[in-house]
Amino acid sequence: GPALGAAKPPSEDKPPSGDKVDVVVLSNGTRVIGEVRSMQKARLELGTDDMGTIQIEWGNVTQVTAPEFFEVEKMSGGLLFGSLRPGPGEGTLEVVSDWGAETLPLLAVARIQRVKSSFWSRFKGSIDVGASYTSASELLQLELDGDLRFRRPRFEATATANAVLTQQPDVDDTRRSSLVLGYTRLFSNRHRLFTRATVEQNRELGFELRGGLLGGWARALLRDTRNELVGGAGLSVNREKPVEGETTTNLEAAAGFDYANFAYDFPNTDIQVSAMGYLGLNQWGRYRLESNASLRRELFSDFYFGLRGYASYDSEPATEGAQKSDWGLTLTLGYSF
């Protein structure tokens, strides 16, 4: 939604309407009345009657009052449940429940989720479309990316799809595509357990189809209002159908990280980098690397300009003679919801 400050805030004297009775006070003294829905990546999502859904940078918030029931995750990983009201000190939040109240600094809050929010409001996602054409070589590349996330207290489910098509006269078309389904169980000490199912195709690296299942442990190594770094490790098993040759089953040890940086002074900027390395256990000596990176800058409400890149490496491709590395960089236009 639009960043607050780009639009004129409602009058302080205007009474709330409907069920939007939550109050957010900003550092400049402005009071905004609406419905607190969530806060993540240092942005508070607030539903209002006059301005629709708006996004407020968390660093600009000094007080929050919301009588509904929320899940509040601290930067340290601890979880609190209750209604929200201003704490006794400046820049603090009090989480109030039937069994007591706990006060914490606003900047110590990592995430807020309305527990009784509607089913559809728990979904967040984005769609990116990119294309490039080089006239001298008549090289055309198309890319489509999409991701969908569903968040509940203590767990998150994700689905991510990617497809890249490259066409050039007198050269076989090349395709790179993947679908990833993930589930993460969150614990109160920054630890998490995760599982991930992947189906992918990349003829450039010598395989027609690879289906895998990865499971393991991860931990938030760094977390503040603008950065998050999560590292983890686990085991992976996959079935790999090469372009030429027999289908094989592979067991691998895996380790990697996800990093996100978010800056919400206009234009909003979101940077994400992920990398995962795989070491063959039944094919000793074989190792693979997969990495993705994206940079998004907001153009206007919910629409953004992006730069996306990927890189893959396989020390022993499934098909003998196939390329060991593959990478790409694409400019995209995207929409988030």
C-alpha atoms as a PDB file:
ATOM      1  CA  GLY A   1       0.000   0.000   0.000  1.00  0.00           C
ATOM      2  CA  PRO A   2       1.022   3.668  -0.189  1.00  0.00           C
ATOM      3  CA  ALA A   3       3.622   4.861   2.289  1.00  0.00           C
ATOM      4  CA  LEU A   4       2.224   7.196   4.897  1.00  0.00           C
ATOM      5  CA  GLY A   5       3.439  10.710   4.284  1.00  0.00           C
ATOM      6  CA  ALA A   6       2.663  10.510   0.566  1.00  0.00           C
ATOM      7  CA  ALA A   7      -1.007  10.951   1.434  1.00  0.00           C
ATOM      8  CA  LYS A   8      -2.654  13.408   3.819  1.00  0.00           C
ATOM      9  CA  PRO A   9      -3.506  11.727   7.141  1.00  0.00           C
ATOM     10  CA  PRO A  10      -7.049  11.862   8.475  1.00  0.00           C
ATOM     11  CA  SER A  11      -8.022  14.526  10.959  1.00  0.00           C
ATOM     12  CA  GLU A  12      -7.350  13.758  14.615  1.00  0.00           C
ATOM     13  CA  ASP A  13     -10.923  14.805  15.404  1.00  0.00           C
ATOM     14  CA  LYS A  14     -12.553  12.324  13.053  1.00  0.00           C
ATOM     15  CA  PRO A  15     -14.226   9.520  15.000  1.00  0.00           C
ATOM     16  CA  PRO A  16     -13.667   5.912  14.015  1.00  0.00           C
ATOM     17  CA  SER A  17     -16.302   4.195  11.910  1.00  0.00           C
ATOM     18  CA  GLY A  18     -17.306   0.556  11.664  1.00  0.00           C
ATOM     19  CA  ASP A  19     -14.983  -1.789  13.527  1.00  0.00           C
ATOM     20  CA  LYS A  20     -11.828   0.209  12.804  1.00  0.00           C
ATOM     21  CA  VAL A  21     -11.019   1.380  16.322  1.00  0.00           C
ATOM     22  CA  ASP A  22      -7.247   0.856  16.525  1.00  0.00           C
ATOM     23  CA  VAL A  23      -5.110   3.965  16.980  1.00  0.00           C
ATOM     24  CA  VAL A  24      -1.556   4.461  15.722  1.00  0.00           C
ATOM     25  CA  VAL A  25       0.367   7.572  16.797  1.00  0.00           C
ATOM     26  CA  LEU A  26       3.303   8.740  14.674  1.00  0.00           C
ATOM     27  CA  SER A  27       6.466  10.569  15.704  1.00  0.00           C
ATOM     28  CA  ASN A  28       5.072  13.858  14.309  1.00  0.00           C
ATOM     29  CA  GLY A  29       2.009  13.554  16.586  1.00  0.00           C
ATOM     30  CA  THR A  30      -0.449  12.405  13.910  1.00  0.00           C
ATOM     31  CA  ARG A  31      -3.080   9.893  15.101  1.00  0.00           C
ATOM     32  CA  VAL A  32      -4.313   7.426  12.479  1.00  0.00           C
ATOM     33  CA  ILE A  33      -7.452   5.403  13.177  1.00  0.00           C
ATOM     34  CA  GLY A  34      -7.930   2.057  11.435  1.00  0.00           C
ATOM     35  CA  GLU A  35      -7.499  -1.681  11.826  1.00  0.00           C
ATOM     36  CA  VAL A  36      -4.050  -3.044  12.651  1.00  0.00           C
ATOM     37  CA  ARG A  37      -3.599  -6.144  10.486  1.00  0.00           C
ATOM     38  CA  SER A  38       0.065  -7.031  10.720  1.00  0.00           C
ATOM     39  CA  MET A  39       3.602  -5.740  11.010  1.00  0.00           C
ATOM     40  CA  GLN A  40       6.550  -7.404   9.311  1.00  0.00           C
ATOM     41  CA  LYS A  41       9.727  -6.266   7.598  1.00  0.00           C
ATOM     42  CA  ALA A  42       9.423  -3.018   9.583  1.00  0.00           C
ATOM     43  CA  ARG A  43       6.104  -2.058   7.963  1.00  0.00           C
ATOM     44  CA  LEU A  44       2.806  -1.791   9.807  1.00  0.00           C
ATOM     45  CA  GLU A  45      -0.216  -2.650   7.654  1.00  0.00           C
ATOM     46  CA  LEU A  46      -3.260  -0.612   8.649  1.00  0.00           C
ATOM     47  CA  GLY A  47      -6.722  -0.765   7.103  1.00  0.00           C
ATOM     48  CA  THR A  48      -8.508   2.618   7.033  1.00  0.00           C
ATOM     49  CA  ASP A  49     -11.889   3.860   5.820  1.00  0.00           C
ATOM     50  CA  ASP A  50     -10.601   6.893   3.888  1.00  0.00           C
ATOM     51  CA  MET A  51      -7.239   5.758   2.481  1.00  0.00           C
ATOM     52  CA  GLY A  52      -7.717   2.009   2.077  1.00  0.00           C
ATOM     53  CA  THR A  53      -4.848  -0.188   3.250  1.00  0.00           C
ATOM     54  CA  ILE A  54      -1.717   1.794   4.061  1.00  0.00           C
ATOM     55  CA  GLN A  55       1.802   0.806   5.037  1.00  0.00           C
ATOM     56  CA  ILE A  56       3.526   2.752   7.825  1.00  0.00           C
ATOM     57  CA  GLU A  57       7.249   2.519   8.466  1.00  0.00           C
ATOM     58  CA  TRP A  58       7.604   0.994  11.924  1.00  0.00           C
ATOM     59  CA  GLY A  59      10.353   3.436  12.891  1.00  0.00           C
ATOM     60  CA  ASN A  60       7.832   6.301  12.579  1.00  0.00           C
ATOM     61  CA  VAL A  61       5.403   4.715  15.072  1.00  0.00           C
ATOM     62  CA  THR A  62       5.449   5.861  18.729  1.00  0.00           C
ATOM     63  CA  GLN A  63       2.213   4.311  20.068  1.00  0.00           C
ATOM     64  CA  VAL A  64      -0.174   1.505  19.099  1.00  0.00           C
ATOM     65  CA  THR A  65      -3.564   0.805  20.695  1.00  0.00           C
ATOM     66  CA  ALA A  66      -5.476  -2.248  19.405  1.00  0.00           C
ATOM     67  CA  PRO A  67      -7.965  -4.222  21.579  1.00  0.00           C
ATOM     68  CA  GLU A  68      -8.024  -7.377  19.420  1.00  0.00           C
ATOM     69  CA  PHE A  69      -5.805 -10.440  20.037  1.00  0.00           C
ATOM     70  CA  PHE A  70      -2.369 -10.430  18.374  1.00  0.00           C
ATOM     71  CA  GLU A  71       0.718 -12.594  18.156  1.00  0.00           C
ATOM     72  CA  VAL A  72       3.835 -10.483  18.779  1.00  0.00           C
ATOM     73  CA  GLU A  73       7.286 -11.845  17.939  1.00  0.00           C
ATOM     74  CA  LYS A  74      10.292 -10.209  19.580  1.00  0.00           C
ATOM     75  CA  MET A  75      13.647  -9.660  17.869  1.00  0.00           C
ATOM     76  CA  SER A  76      15.039 -12.238  20.285  1.00  0.00           C
ATOM     77  CA  GLY A  77      12.527 -14.782  18.961  1.00  0.00           C
ATOM     78  CA  GLY A  78      10.156 -14.814  21.937  1.00  0.00           C
ATOM     79  CA  LEU A  79       6.397 -14.899  21.305  1.00  0.00           C
ATOM     80  CA  LEU A  80       3.734 -12.892  23.155  1.00  0.00           C
ATOM     81  CA  PHE A  81      -0.051 -12.998  22.761  1.00  0.00           C
ATOM     82  CA  GLY A  82      -2.563 -10.305  23.689  1.00  0.00           C
ATOM     83  CA  SER A  83      -4.003  -6.900  22.898  1.00  0.00           C
ATOM     84  CA  LEU A  84      -1.789  -3.869  22.280  1.00  0.00           C
ATOM     85  CA  ARG A  85      -1.539  -0.580  24.147  1.00  0.00           C
ATOM     86  CA  PRO A  86       1.146   2.073  24.748  1.00  0.00           C
ATOM     87  CA  GLY A  87       3.716   1.123  27.374  1.00  0.00           C
ATOM     88  CA  PRO A  88       4.590   3.262  30.393  1.00  0.00           C
ATOM     89  CA  GLY A  89       7.765   4.572  28.761  1.00  0.00           C
ATOM     90  CA  GLU A  90       8.218   6.513  25.532  1.00  0.00           C
ATOM     91  CA  GLY A  91       8.522   4.292  22.454  1.00  0.00           C
ATOM     92  CA  THR A  92       7.294   1.150  24.204  1.00  0.00           C
ATOM     93  CA  LEU A  93       4.506  -1.331  23.589  1.00  0.00           C
ATOM     94  CA  GLU A  94       2.542  -3.288  26.170  1.00  0.00           C
ATOM     95  CA  VAL A  95       1.101  -6.696  25.224  1.00  0.00           C
ATOM     96  CA  VAL A  96      -1.840  -7.409  27.516  1.00  0.00           C
ATOM     97  CA  SER A  97      -3.379 -10.852  28.098  1.00  0.00           C
ATOM     98  CA  ASP A  98      -5.541 -12.529  30.749  1.00  0.00           C
ATOM     99  CA  TRP A  99      -2.401 -13.787  32.519  1.00  0.00           C
ATOM    100  CA  GLY A 100      -0.604 -10.434  32.652  1.00  0.00           C
ATOM    101  CA  ALA A 101       1.151  -7.772  30.590  1.00  0.00           C
ATOM    102  CA  GLU A 102       4.656  -7.444  29.201  1.00  0.00           C
ATOM    103  CA  THR A 103       6.325  -4.238  28.042  1.00  0.00           C
ATOM    104  CA  LEU A 104       8.972  -4.061  25.335  1.00  0.00           C
ATOM    105  CA  PRO A 105      10.519  -1.312  23.175  1.00  0.00           C
ATOM    106  CA  LEU A 106       8.833  -0.824  19.809  1.00  0.00           C
ATOM    107  CA  LEU A 107      12.189  -1.397  18.088  1.00  0.00           C
ATOM    108  CA  ALA A 108      12.406  -4.813  19.782  1.00  0.00           C
ATOM    109  CA  VAL A 109       9.291  -5.994  17.913  1.00  0.00           C
ATOM    110  CA  ALA A 110      10.046  -8.151  14.866  1.00  0.00           C
ATOM    111  CA  ARG A 111       6.521  -9.082  13.770  1.00  0.00           C
ATOM    112  CA  ILE A 112       2.862  -8.580  14.695  1.00  0.00           C
ATOM    113  CA  GLN A 113       0.063 -10.800  13.368  1.00  0.00           C
ATOM    114  CA  ARG A 114      -3.633 -10.392  14.072  1.00  0.00           C
ATOM    115  CA  VAL A 115      -4.683 -13.819  15.359  1.00  0.00           C
ATOM    116  CA  LYS A 116      -8.315 -13.616  14.275  1.00  0.00           C
ATOM    117  CA  SER A 117      -7.648 -12.038  10.889  1.00  0.00           C
ATOM    118  CA  SER A 118      -9.598 -13.353   7.910  1.00  0.00           C
ATOM    119  CA  PHE A 119      -8.311 -16.379   6.022  1.00  0.00           C
ATOM    120  CA  TRP A 120      -7.476 -14.446   2.837  1.00  0.00           C
ATOM    121  CA  SER A 121      -5.740 -11.588   4.654  1.00  0.00           C
ATOM    122  CA  ARG A 122      -3.075 -14.068   5.805  1.00  0.00           C
ATOM    123  CA  PHE A 123      -1.849 -14.487   2.223  1.00  0.00           C
ATOM    124  CA  LYS A 124       0.933 -12.262   0.881  1.00  0.00           C
ATOM    125  CA  GLY A 125       2.514 -12.586  -2.523  1.00  0.00           C
ATOM    126  CA  SER A 126       3.948 -11.029  -5.650  1.00  0.00           C
ATOM    127  CA  ILE A 127       4.184 -11.541  -9.414  1.00  0.00           C
ATOM    128  CA  ASP A 128       7.155 -10.465 -11.561  1.00  0.00           C
ATOM    129  CA  VAL A 129       7.338 -10.386 -15.371  1.00  0.00           C
ATOM    130  CA  GLY A 130      10.506  -9.639 -17.326  1.00  0.00           C
ATOM    131  CA  ALA A 131      11.636  -9.692 -20.958  1.00  0.00           C
ATOM    132  CA  SER A 132      14.707  -8.787 -22.980  1.00  0.00           C
ATOM    133  CA  TYR A 133      15.543  -8.820 -26.703  1.00  0.00           C
ATOM    134  CA  THR A 134      18.849  -8.342 -28.521  1.00  0.00           C
ATOM    135  CA  SER A 135      18.324  -7.437 -32.191  1.00  0.00           C
ATOM    136  CA  ALA A 136      21.858  -8.259 -33.353  1.00  0.00           C
ATOM    137  CA  SER A 137      21.569 -11.882 -32.253  1.00  0.00           C
ATOM    138  CA  GLU A 138      17.742 -12.039 -32.278  1.00  0.00           C
ATOM    139  CA  LEU A 139      17.932 -13.365 -28.730  1.00  0.00           C
ATOM    140  CA  LEU A 140      14.650 -13.271 -26.808  1.00  0.00           C
ATOM    141  CA  GLN A 141      14.369 -14.060 -23.098  1.00  0.00           C
ATOM    142  CA  LEU A 142      11.148 -14.157 -21.097  1.00  0.00           C
ATOM    143  CA  GLU A 143      10.874 -14.650 -17.343  1.00  0.00           C
ATOM    144  CA  LEU A 144       7.911 -15.134 -15.007  1.00  0.00           C
ATOM    145  CA  ASP A 145       8.159 -15.354 -11.216  1.00  0.00           C
ATOM    146  CA  GLY A 146       5.516 -15.683  -8.537  1.00  0.00           C
ATOM    147  CA  ASP A 147       5.443 -16.311  -4.803  1.00  0.00           C
ATOM    148  CA  LEU A 148       2.693 -16.818  -2.253  1.00  0.00           C
ATOM    149  CA  ARG A 149       2.997 -16.929   1.551  1.00  0.00           C
ATOM    150  CA  PHE A 150       0.507 -17.968   4.204  1.00  0.00           C
ATOM    151  CA  ARG A 151       1.258 -17.044   7.810  1.00  0.00           C
ATOM    152  CA  ARG A 152      -0.281 -18.368  10.999  1.00  0.00           C
ATOM    153  CA  PRO A 153       0.971 -18.187  14.565  1.00  0.00           C
ATOM    154  CA  ARG A 154       4.064 -20.403  14.798  1.00  0.00           C
ATOM    155  CA  PHE A 155       4.259 -21.509  11.146  1.00  0.00           C
ATOM    156  CA  GLU A 156       4.568 -20.221   7.588  1.00  0.00           C
ATOM    157  CA  ALA A 157       3.774 -21.984   4.294  1.00  0.00           C
ATOM    158  CA  THR A 158       5.194 -20.759   0.972  1.00  0.00           C
ATOM    159  CA  ALA A 159       4.933 -21.499  -2.742  1.00  0.00           C
ATOM    160  CA  THR A 160       7.399 -20.086  -5.282  1.00  0.00           C
ATOM    161  CA  ALA A 161       7.405 -20.604  -9.053  1.00  0.00           C
ATOM    162  CA  ASN A 162       9.907 -19.466 -11.675  1.00  0.00           C
ATOM    163  CA  ALA A 163      10.149 -19.962 -15.441  1.00  0.00           C
ATOM    164  CA  VAL A 164      12.746 -18.644 -17.913  1.00  0.00           C
ATOM    165  CA  LEU A 165      12.471 -19.198 -21.693  1.00  0.00           C
ATOM    166  CA  THR A 166      15.254 -18.276 -24.125  1.00  0.00           C
ATOM    167  CA  GLN A 167      14.746 -18.325 -27.905  1.00  0.00           C
ATOM    168  CA  GLN A 168      17.206 -17.658 -30.723  1.00  0.00           C
ATOM    169  CA  PRO A 169      17.098 -18.565 -34.469  1.00  0.00           C
ATOM    170  CA  ASP A 170      18.937 -21.779 -35.394  1.00  0.00           C
ATOM    171  CA  VAL A 171      19.431 -22.628 -31.703  1.00  0.00           C
ATOM    172  CA  ASP A 172      17.331 -24.969 -29.590  1.00  0.00           C
ATOM    173  CA  ASP A 173      15.089 -23.197 -27.102  1.00  0.00           C
ATOM    174  CA  THR A 174      16.326 -23.377 -23.526  1.00  0.00           C
ATOM    175  CA  ARG A 175      14.076 -23.553 -20.482  1.00  0.00           C
ATOM    176  CA  ARG A 176      14.708 -23.201 -16.784  1.00  0.00           C
ATOM    177  CA  SER A 177      11.763 -23.681 -14.457  1.00  0.00           C
ATOM    178  CA  SER A 178      11.101 -24.561 -10.839  1.00  0.00           C
ATOM    179  CA  LEU A 179       8.327 -24.940  -8.296  1.00  0.00           C
ATOM    180  CA  VAL A 180       9.133 -24.867  -4.570  1.00  0.00           C
ATOM    181  CA  LEU A 181       6.688 -25.619  -1.749  1.00  0.00           C
ATOM    182  CA  GLY A 182       7.896 -24.890   1.765  1.00  0.00           C
ATOM    183  CA  TYR A 183       6.774 -25.191   5.362  1.00  0.00           C
ATOM    184  CA  THR A 184       8.525 -23.605   8.352  1.00  0.00           C
ATOM    185  CA  ARG A 185       7.720 -24.237  12.023  1.00  0.00           C
ATOM    186  CA  LEU A 186       8.714 -21.255  14.168  1.00  0.00           C
ATOM    187  CA  PHE A 187       9.935 -21.502  17.757  1.00  0.00           C
ATOM    188  CA  SER A 188      10.278 -18.824  20.425  1.00  0.00           C
ATOM    189  CA  ASN A 189      14.097 -18.759  20.472  1.00  0.00           C
ATOM    190  CA  ARG A 190      14.760 -17.818  16.810  1.00  0.00           C
ATOM    191  CA  HIS A 191      15.033 -21.493  15.932  1.00  0.00           C
ATOM    192  CA  ARG A 192      12.899 -23.099  13.242  1.00  0.00           C
ATOM    193  CA  LEU A 193      12.414 -26.428  11.508  1.00  0.00           C
ATOM    194  CA  PHE A 194      11.758 -26.414   7.785  1.00  0.00           C
ATOM    195  CA  THR A 195      10.901 -28.728   4.934  1.00  0.00           C
ATOM    196  CA  ARG A 196      10.957 -27.910   1.233  1.00  0.00           C
ATOM    197  CA  ALA A 197       9.733 -29.845  -1.815  1.00  0.00           C
ATOM    198  CA  THR A 198      11.198 -28.850  -5.188  1.00  0.00           C
ATOM    199  CA  VAL A 199      10.481 -29.755  -8.807  1.00  0.00           C
ATOM    200  CA  GLU A 200      12.800 -28.201 -11.391  1.00  0.00           C
ATOM    201  CA  GLN A 201      14.025 -28.422 -14.972  1.00  0.00           C
ATOM    202  CA  ASN A 202      17.276 -27.119 -16.451  1.00  0.00           C
ATOM    203  CA  ARG A 203      18.468 -28.725 -19.670  1.00  0.00           C
ATOM    204  CA  GLU A 204      21.489 -26.415 -19.702  1.00  0.00           C
ATOM    205  CA  LEU A 205      22.802 -28.261 -16.631  1.00  0.00           C
ATOM    206  CA  GLY A 206      21.972 -31.657 -18.104  1.00  0.00           C
ATOM    207  CA  PHE A 207      18.762 -32.709 -16.351  1.00  0.00           C
ATOM    208  CA  GLU A 208      15.263 -32.983 -17.759  1.00  0.00           C
ATOM    209  CA  LEU A 209      13.600 -33.168 -14.353  1.00  0.00           C
ATOM    210  CA  ARG A 210      14.729 -33.128 -10.737  1.00  0.00           C
ATOM    211  CA  GLY A 211      12.372 -33.629  -7.816  1.00  0.00           C
ATOM    212  CA  GLY A 212      13.714 -33.238  -4.297  1.00  0.00           C
ATOM    213  CA  LEU A 213      12.760 -33.059  -0.647  1.00  0.00           C
ATOM    214  CA  LEU A 214      14.857 -31.053   1.808  1.00  0.00           C
ATOM    215  CA  GLY A 215      14.409 -30.889   5.573  1.00  0.00           C
ATOM    216  CA  GLY A 216      16.434 -29.387   8.361  1.00  0.00           C
ATOM    217  CA  TRP A 217      16.995 -26.784  11.055  1.00  0.00           C
ATOM    218  CA  ALA A 218      17.529 -23.025  10.750  1.00  0.00           C
ATOM    219  CA  ARG A 219      18.039 -20.033  13.010  1.00  0.00           C
ATOM    220  CA  ALA A 220      17.680 -16.266  12.652  1.00  0.00           C
ATOM    221  CA  LEU A 221      21.314 -15.179  13.047  1.00  0.00           C
ATOM    222  CA  LEU A 222      20.662 -11.446  12.619  1.00  0.00           C
ATOM    223  CA  ARG A 223      17.464  -9.475  12.979  1.00  0.00           C
ATOM    224  CA  ASP A 224      16.725  -5.776  13.322  1.00  0.00           C
ATOM    225  CA  THR A 225      14.235  -3.327  11.833  1.00  0.00           C
ATOM    226  CA  ARG A 226      15.938  -3.362   8.410  1.00  0.00           C
ATOM    227  CA  ASN A 227      17.827  -6.659   8.143  1.00  0.00           C
ATOM    228  CA  GLU A 228      17.226 -10.356   8.625  1.00  0.00           C
ATOM    229  CA  LEU A 229      19.734 -13.169   8.129  1.00  0.00           C
ATOM    230  CA  VAL A 230      18.669 -16.801   8.533  1.00  0.00           C
ATOM    231  CA  GLY A 231      21.129 -19.678   8.253  1.00  0.00           C
ATOM    232  CA  GLY A 232      20.373 -23.391   8.258  1.00  0.00           C
ATOM    233  CA  ALA A 233      21.417 -26.919   7.343  1.00  0.00           C
ATOM    234  CA  GLY A 234      19.773 -30.249   6.620  1.00  0.00           C
ATOM    235  CA  LEU A 235      19.534 -33.332   4.409  1.00  0.00           C
ATOM    236  CA  SER A 236      18.159 -33.565   0.884  1.00  0.00           C
ATOM    237  CA  VAL A 237      17.068 -36.503  -1.241  1.00  0.00           C
ATOM    238  CA  ASN A 238      16.232 -36.127  -4.928  1.00  0.00           C
ATOM    239  CA  ARG A 239      15.348 -38.103  -8.048  1.00  0.00           C
ATOM    240  CA  GLU A 240      17.138 -36.819 -11.119  1.00  0.00           C
ATOM    241  CA  LYS A 241      16.220 -37.599 -14.716  1.00  0.00           C
ATOM    242  CA  PRO A 242      19.103 -36.566 -17.010  1.00  0.00           C
ATOM    243  CA  VAL A 243      18.707 -35.426 -20.605  1.00  0.00           C
ATOM    244  CA  GLU A 244      20.654 -38.572 -21.497  1.00  0.00           C
ATOM    245  CA  GLY A 245      21.101 -41.558 -19.211  1.00  0.00           C
ATOM    246  CA  GLU A 246      19.432 -43.365 -16.304  1.00  0.00           C
ATOM    247  CA  THR A 247      17.340 -41.767 -13.569  1.00  0.00           C
ATOM    248  CA  THR A 248      19.247 -41.670 -10.266  1.00  0.00           C
ATOM    249  CA  THR A 249      18.454 -41.109  -6.581  1.00  0.00           C
ATOM    250  CA  ASN A 250      20.838 -38.818  -4.716  1.00  0.00           C
ATOM    251  CA  LEU A 251      21.350 -38.095  -1.012  1.00  0.00           C
ATOM    252  CA  GLU A 252      22.973 -34.775  -0.154  1.00  0.00           C
ATOM    253  CA  ALA A 253      23.940 -32.658   2.853  1.00  0.00           C
ATOM    254  CA  ALA A 254      22.745 -29.071   2.472  1.00  0.00           C
ATOM    255  CA  ALA A 255      23.577 -25.714   4.072  1.00  0.00           C
ATOM    256  CA  GLY A 256      22.703 -22.154   3.158  1.00  0.00           C
ATOM    257  CA  PHE A 257      21.287 -18.778   4.133  1.00  0.00           C
ATOM    258  CA  ASP A 258      18.552 -16.256   3.332  1.00  0.00           C
ATOM    259  CA  TYR A 259      19.217 -12.527   3.714  1.00  0.00           C
ATOM    260  CA  ALA A 260      16.729  -9.669   3.424  1.00  0.00           C
ATOM    261  CA  ASN A 261      17.243  -5.917   3.663  1.00  0.00           C
ATOM    262  CA  PHE A 262      14.332  -3.480   3.625  1.00  0.00           C
ATOM    263  CA  ALA A 263      14.385   0.318   3.440  1.00  0.00           C
ATOM    264  CA  TYR A 264      11.046   2.082   3.385  1.00  0.00           C
ATOM    265  CA  ASP A 265      11.856   5.733   2.923  1.00  0.00           C
ATOM    266  CA  PHE A 266      10.391   6.403  -0.532  1.00  0.00           C
ATOM    267  CA  PRO A 267      11.137   4.799  -2.881  1.00  0.00           C
ATOM    268  CA  ASN A 268      10.701   1.590  -0.898  1.00  0.00           C
ATOM    269  CA  THR A 269      13.545  -0.832  -1.566  1.00  0.00           C
ATOM    270  CA  ASP A 270      13.592  -4.553  -0.810  1.00  0.00           C
ATOM    271  CA  ILE A 271      16.735  -6.667  -1.326  1.00  0.00           C
ATOM    272  CA  GLN A 272      16.731 -10.445  -0.922  1.00  0.00           C
ATOM    273  CA  VAL A 273      19.593 -12.900  -1.410  1.00  0.00           C
ATOM    274  CA  SER A 274      19.529 -16.662  -0.877  1.00  0.00           C
ATOM    275  CA  ALA A 275      22.127 -19.362  -1.436  1.00  0.00           C
ATOM    276  CA  MET A 276      22.193 -23.118  -0.800  1.00  0.00           C
ATOM    277  CA  GLY A 277      25.046 -25.562  -1.218  1.00  0.00           C
ATOM    278  CA  TYR A 278      24.632 -29.343  -1.622  1.00  0.00           C
ATOM    279  CA  LEU A 279      27.317 -31.982  -1.029  1.00  0.00           C
ATOM    280  CA  GLY A 280      26.739 -35.462  -2.441  1.00  0.00           C
ATOM    281  CA  LEU A 281      26.757 -38.277   0.112  1.00  0.00           C
ATOM    282  CA  ASN A 282      26.201 -41.227  -2.217  1.00  0.00           C
ATOM    283  CA  GLN A 283      28.035 -39.423  -5.069  1.00  0.00           C
ATOM    284  CA  TRP A 284      31.027 -38.357  -3.057  1.00  0.00           C
ATOM    285  CA  GLY A 285      32.894 -35.437  -4.634  1.00  0.00           C
ATOM    286  CA  ARG A 286      29.872 -33.967  -6.386  1.00  0.00           C
ATOM    287  CA  TYR A 287      28.632 -30.611  -5.114  1.00  0.00           C
ATOM    288  CA  ARG A 288      26.011 -28.136  -6.285  1.00  0.00           C
ATOM    289  CA  LEU A 289      25.363 -24.450  -5.596  1.00  0.00           C
ATOM    290  CA  GLU A 290      22.062 -22.602  -6.084  1.00  0.00           C
ATOM    291  CA  SER A 291      21.641 -18.864  -5.490  1.00  0.00           C
ATOM    292  CA  ASN A 292      19.023 -16.201  -6.184  1.00  0.00           C
ATOM    293  CA  ALA A 293      18.980 -12.443  -5.671  1.00  0.00           C
ATOM    294  CA  SER A 294      16.410  -9.726  -6.206  1.00  0.00           C
ATOM    295  CA  LEU A 295      16.175  -5.970  -5.775  1.00  0.00           C
ATOM    296  CA  ARG A 296      12.808  -4.208  -5.845  1.00  0.00           C
ATOM    297  CA  ARG A 297      12.086  -0.480  -5.851  1.00  0.00           C
ATOM    298  CA  GLU A 298       8.561   0.811  -5.536  1.00  0.00           C
ATOM    299  CA  LEU A 299       7.172   2.777  -8.482  1.00  0.00           C
ATOM    300  CA  PHE A 300       3.794   3.474  -6.880  1.00  0.00           C
ATOM    301  CA  SER A 301       1.327   1.684  -4.630  1.00  0.00           C
ATOM    302  CA  ASP A 302       1.965  -2.111  -4.831  1.00  0.00           C
ATOM    303  CA  PHE A 303       3.817  -1.865  -8.175  1.00  0.00           C
ATOM    304  CA  TYR A 304       7.583  -2.017  -8.382  1.00  0.00           C
ATOM    305  CA  PHE A 305      10.590  -2.194 -10.683  1.00  0.00           C
ATOM    306  CA  GLY A 306      12.902  -5.128 -10.079  1.00  0.00           C
ATOM    307  CA  LEU A 307      16.229  -6.698 -10.928  1.00  0.00           C
ATOM    308  CA  ARG A 308      16.406 -10.477 -10.499  1.00  0.00           C
ATOM    309  CA  GLY A 309      19.333 -12.820 -10.893  1.00  0.00           C
ATOM    310  CA  TYR A 310      20.143 -16.487 -10.420  1.00  0.00           C
ATOM    311  CA  ALA A 311      23.236 -18.681 -10.590  1.00  0.00           C
ATOM    312  CA  SER A 312      23.581 -22.476 -10.555  1.00  0.00           C
ATOM    313  CA  TYR A 313      26.664 -24.681 -10.495  1.00  0.00           C
ATOM    314  CA  ASP A 314      27.033 -28.477 -10.624  1.00  0.00           C
ATOM    315  CA  SER A 315      30.504 -30.007 -10.416  1.00  0.00           C
ATOM    316  CA  GLU A 316      29.265 -33.249 -12.047  1.00  0.00           C
ATOM    317  CA  PRO A 317      26.205 -32.591 -14.263  1.00  0.00           C
ATOM    318  CA  ALA A 318      23.664 -35.394 -14.617  1.00  0.00           C
ATOM    319  CA  THR A 319      24.402 -35.635 -18.360  1.00  0.00           C
ATOM    320  CA  GLU A 320      28.028 -36.027 -19.371  1.00  0.00           C
ATOM    321  CA  GLY A 321      29.275 -33.030 -21.326  1.00  0.00           C
ATOM    322  CA  ALA A 322      26.546 -30.667 -20.111  1.00  0.00           C
ATOM    323  CA  GLN A 323      27.443 -27.206 -18.847  1.00  0.00           C
ATOM    324  CA  LYS A 324      28.478 -26.952 -15.216  1.00  0.00           C
ATOM    325  CA  SER A 325      27.160 -23.444 -14.618  1.00  0.00           C
ATOM    326  CA  ASP A 326      24.131 -21.402 -15.582  1.00  0.00           C
ATOM    327  CA  TRP A 327      23.236 -17.824 -14.629  1.00  0.00           C
ATOM    328  CA  GLY A 328      20.897 -15.066 -15.673  1.00  0.00           C
ATOM    329  CA  LEU A 329      19.927 -11.447 -14.922  1.00  0.00           C
ATOM    330  CA  THR A 330      16.540  -9.923 -15.783  1.00  0.00           C
ATOM    331  CA  LEU A 331      14.799  -6.571 -15.383  1.00  0.00           C
ATOM    332  CA  THR A 332      11.210  -7.021 -14.242  1.00  0.00           C
ATOM    333  CA  LEU A 333       8.004  -5.220 -13.423  1.00  0.00           C
ATOM    334  CA  GLY A 334       6.077  -6.578 -10.481  1.00  0.00           C
ATOM    335  CA  TYR A 335       2.962  -6.370  -8.361  1.00  0.00           C
ATOM    336  CA  SER A 336       2.655  -7.305  -4.688  1.00  0.00           C
ATOM    337  CA  PHE A 337      -0.507  -8.105  -2.772  1.00  0.00           C
END
